Amino acid sequence: MAGLQFTDLQSRPTEFLDCTSVTLEEFQHLVPPFETAFQTHMAAWRLDGKPRTARRFTVYQHCPLPTPEDRLLFILAYVKTCSLQVVQGRLFSMGQSKANQWMHVLLPVLLAALRALGDAPARSLTALAQRLGVAEADAAAVVASLEEEAAPLAAAPTGVPASPFCP
């Protein structure tokens, strides 16, 4: 069974959006900075996390993620679904240990690409205020209103009986 690939999903935009939370247009906009960040990372590091000392990175013949689009699809699908590594590996025709290696490489690469585009998540109220171009108090008001909107959703019963395994 072949794994999930970008070429399979690109002709189905709704399914693509369901898997990644981005449109095809947004995805194509993200591919070049993502691949630049990936090549920069792989110039210094091996897939197993050790420093690169000899050969440069090349895509090998049976690589489960041979194209930049496949690598980006892999990490966006993981970020959206937060699936178990074994499940993510099966989706993309690799074992859990290889999926773990790819995740450890591609998560920081995705963050670097988002930073290059100016789309990385703000990690503080000050950073959010700077991004929005407003005072910190105004940014705090925006965050508070978003939290108020999300509160009823978090408190709503799911209709699923409580499990004895999960408090």
Protein backbone atom coordinates (compact mmCIF):
# COMPACT_ATOMS: atom_id res chain seq x y z
CA MET A 1 0.00 0.00 0.00
CA ALA A 2 1.38 3.37 -1.01
CA GLY A 3 1.39 6.11 1.59
CA LEU A 4 -0.31 9.46 1.49
CA GLN A 5 1.34 11.78 -1.03
CA PHE A 6 0.81 15.35 -2.14
CA THR A 7 0.15 14.29 -5.74
CA ASP A 8 -2.80 12.20 -4.53
CA LEU A 9 -4.40 15.01 -2.54
CA GLN A 10 -3.78 18.05 -4.73
CA SER A 11 -6.72 17.20 -7.00
CA ARG A 12 -9.09 17.06 -3.98
CA PRO A 13 -9.00 20.54 -2.39
CA THR A 14 -11.60 19.86 0.32
CA GLU A 15 -9.85 16.71 1.48
CA PHE A 16 -6.53 18.54 1.32
CA LEU A 17 -7.92 21.28 3.56
CA ASP A 18 -9.29 18.65 5.94
CA CYS A 19 -5.86 17.02 6.24
CA THR A 20 -3.76 20.18 6.62
CA SER A 21 -5.94 23.18 7.58
CA VAL A 22 -4.45 25.16 4.68
CA THR A 23 -5.70 25.67 1.15
CA LEU A 24 -3.67 24.54 -1.84
CA GLU A 25 -2.80 28.18 -2.56
CA GLU A 26 -1.55 28.73 1.00
CA PHE A 27 0.33 25.44 0.83
CA GLN A 28 2.10 26.41 -2.41
CA HIS A 29 3.04 29.74 -0.83
CA LEU A 30 4.61 27.90 2.12
CA VAL A 31 6.60 25.31 0.12
CA PRO A 32 9.60 27.50 -0.97
CA PRO A 33 10.47 28.88 2.51
CA PHE A 34 9.83 25.44 4.01
CA GLU A 35 12.22 23.77 1.56
CA THR A 36 14.84 26.50 2.13
CA ALA A 37 14.61 25.95 5.89
CA PHE A 38 14.75 22.18 5.36
CA GLN A 39 17.88 22.34 3.19
CA THR A 40 19.52 24.71 5.69
CA HIS A 41 18.75 22.32 8.54
CA MET A 42 19.90 19.24 6.64
CA ALA A 43 23.17 20.95 5.64
CA ALA A 44 24.15 20.92 9.31
CA TRP A 45 22.26 17.93 10.73
CA ARG A 46 21.52 14.33 9.79
CA LEU A 47 18.03 12.84 9.97
CA ASP A 48 18.98 11.01 13.18
CA GLY A 49 19.78 14.34 14.89
CA LYS A 50 23.56 14.05 14.81
CA PRO A 51 25.76 16.76 13.28
CA ARG A 52 26.55 16.26 9.61
CA THR A 53 30.27 15.63 9.15
CA ALA A 54 30.77 14.16 5.69
CA ARG A 55 28.21 13.71 2.93
CA ARG A 56 25.58 16.28 2.10
CA PHE A 57 21.89 15.44 2.30
CA THR A 58 20.32 13.82 -0.76
CA VAL A 59 16.93 12.21 -1.18
CA TYR A 60 17.49 8.48 -1.41
CA GLN A 61 15.65 6.19 -3.82
CA HIS A 62 13.06 4.78 -1.40
CA CYS A 63 12.57 7.88 0.74
CA PRO A 64 9.00 7.99 2.13
CA LEU A 65 8.97 11.80 1.78
CA PRO A 66 10.80 12.42 -1.51
CA THR A 67 9.48 15.89 -2.40
CA PRO A 68 9.24 19.18 -0.51
CA GLU A 69 5.46 18.99 -0.87
CA ASP A 70 5.37 15.52 0.70
CA ARG A 71 7.50 16.67 3.63
CA LEU A 72 5.29 19.71 4.22
CA LEU A 73 2.13 17.61 3.90
CA PHE A 74 3.55 15.14 6.45
CA ILE A 75 4.22 17.77 9.10
CA LEU A 76 1.03 19.79 8.51
CA ALA A 77 -1.08 16.63 8.77
CA TYR A 78 0.72 15.76 11.99
CA VAL A 79 0.25 19.23 13.48
CA LYS A 80 -3.44 19.22 12.59
CA THR A 81 -4.28 15.72 13.81
CA CYS A 82 -1.68 15.16 16.56
CA SER A 83 -1.88 11.50 15.68
CA LEU A 84 0.19 8.82 17.32
CA GLN A 85 3.55 8.45 15.66
CA VAL A 86 2.72 4.90 14.62
CA VAL A 87 -0.46 6.12 12.89
CA GLN A 88 1.37 8.98 11.18
CA GLY A 89 4.02 6.53 10.04
CA ARG A 90 1.44 4.16 8.59
CA LEU A 91 -0.25 7.04 6.75
CA PHE A 92 3.02 7.88 5.03
CA SER A 93 4.40 4.32 4.61
CA MET A 94 7.07 4.32 7.29
CA GLY A 95 7.59 2.86 10.71
CA GLN A 96 7.07 4.68 13.99
CA SER A 97 10.79 5.27 14.56
CA LYS A 98 11.26 6.84 11.12
CA ALA A 99 8.13 8.98 11.61
CA ASN A 100 9.62 10.14 14.93
CA GLN A 101 12.86 11.16 13.17
CA TRP A 102 11.00 13.07 10.46
CA MET A 103 8.83 14.85 13.05
CA HIS A 104 11.88 15.95 15.02
CA VAL A 105 13.43 17.36 11.86
CA LEU A 106 10.35 18.90 10.27
CA LEU A 107 8.73 20.64 13.26
CA PRO A 108 11.60 23.14 13.71
CA VAL A 109 11.83 23.48 9.93
CA LEU A 110 8.13 24.41 9.79
CA LEU A 111 8.63 26.98 12.56
CA ALA A 112 11.62 28.47 10.71
CA ALA A 113 9.58 28.72 7.49
CA LEU A 114 6.68 30.38 9.32
CA ARG A 115 9.09 32.84 10.93
CA ALA A 116 10.57 33.65 7.52
CA LEU A 117 7.07 34.47 6.28
CA GLY A 118 6.22 36.43 9.45
CA ASP A 119 3.48 33.93 10.31
CA ALA A 120 4.96 32.16 13.33
CA PRO A 121 2.75 32.08 16.43
CA ALA A 122 3.27 34.91 18.90
CA ARG A 123 4.64 33.47 22.15
CA SER A 124 3.98 36.47 24.38
CA LEU A 125 1.50 39.29 24.73
CA THR A 126 4.23 41.78 23.86
CA ALA A 127 5.04 39.94 20.62
CA LEU A 128 1.33 39.76 19.75
CA ALA A 129 0.92 43.49 20.37
CA GLN A 130 3.91 44.24 18.12
CA ARG A 131 2.53 42.02 15.36
CA LEU A 132 -0.91 43.62 15.56
CA GLY A 133 0.57 47.10 15.82
CA VAL A 134 -1.43 47.92 18.94
CA ALA A 135 -0.77 48.64 22.59
CA GLU A 136 -0.26 45.67 24.89
CA ALA A 137 -3.54 46.42 26.70
CA ASP A 138 -5.44 46.25 23.39
CA ALA A 139 -3.77 42.91 22.57
CA ALA A 140 -4.81 41.64 26.01
CA ALA A 141 -8.40 42.63 25.23
CA VAL A 142 -8.26 40.68 21.94
CA VAL A 143 -6.94 37.59 23.75
CA ALA A 144 -9.59 37.90 26.48
CA SER A 145 -12.40 38.11 23.92
CA LEU A 146 -11.07 35.02 22.11
CA GLU A 147 -10.89 33.14 25.41
CA GLU A 148 -14.49 34.12 26.20
CA GLU A 149 -15.64 32.83 22.81
CA ALA A 150 -13.83 29.52 23.36
CA ALA A 151 -14.99 28.98 26.95
CA PRO A 152 -18.52 27.69 26.11
CA LEU A 153 -17.03 25.24 23.60
CA ALA A 154 -14.62 23.83 26.17
CA ALA A 155 -17.36 23.47 28.80
CA ALA A 156 -19.96 21.92 26.47
CA PRO A 157 -20.69 18.26 27.19
CA THR A 158 -19.63 15.90 24.44
CA GLY A 159 -22.28 13.27 25.06
CA VAL A 160 -19.59 10.70 25.67
CA PRO A 161 -19.79 8.97 29.05
CA ALA A 162 -16.87 9.50 31.39
CA SER A 163 -14.19 6.85 31.13
CA PRO A 164 -12.83 5.17 34.25
CA PHE A 165 -9.37 5.62 32.70
CA CYS A 166 -9.60 9.39 32.17
CA PRO A 167 -10.55 11.60 35.14
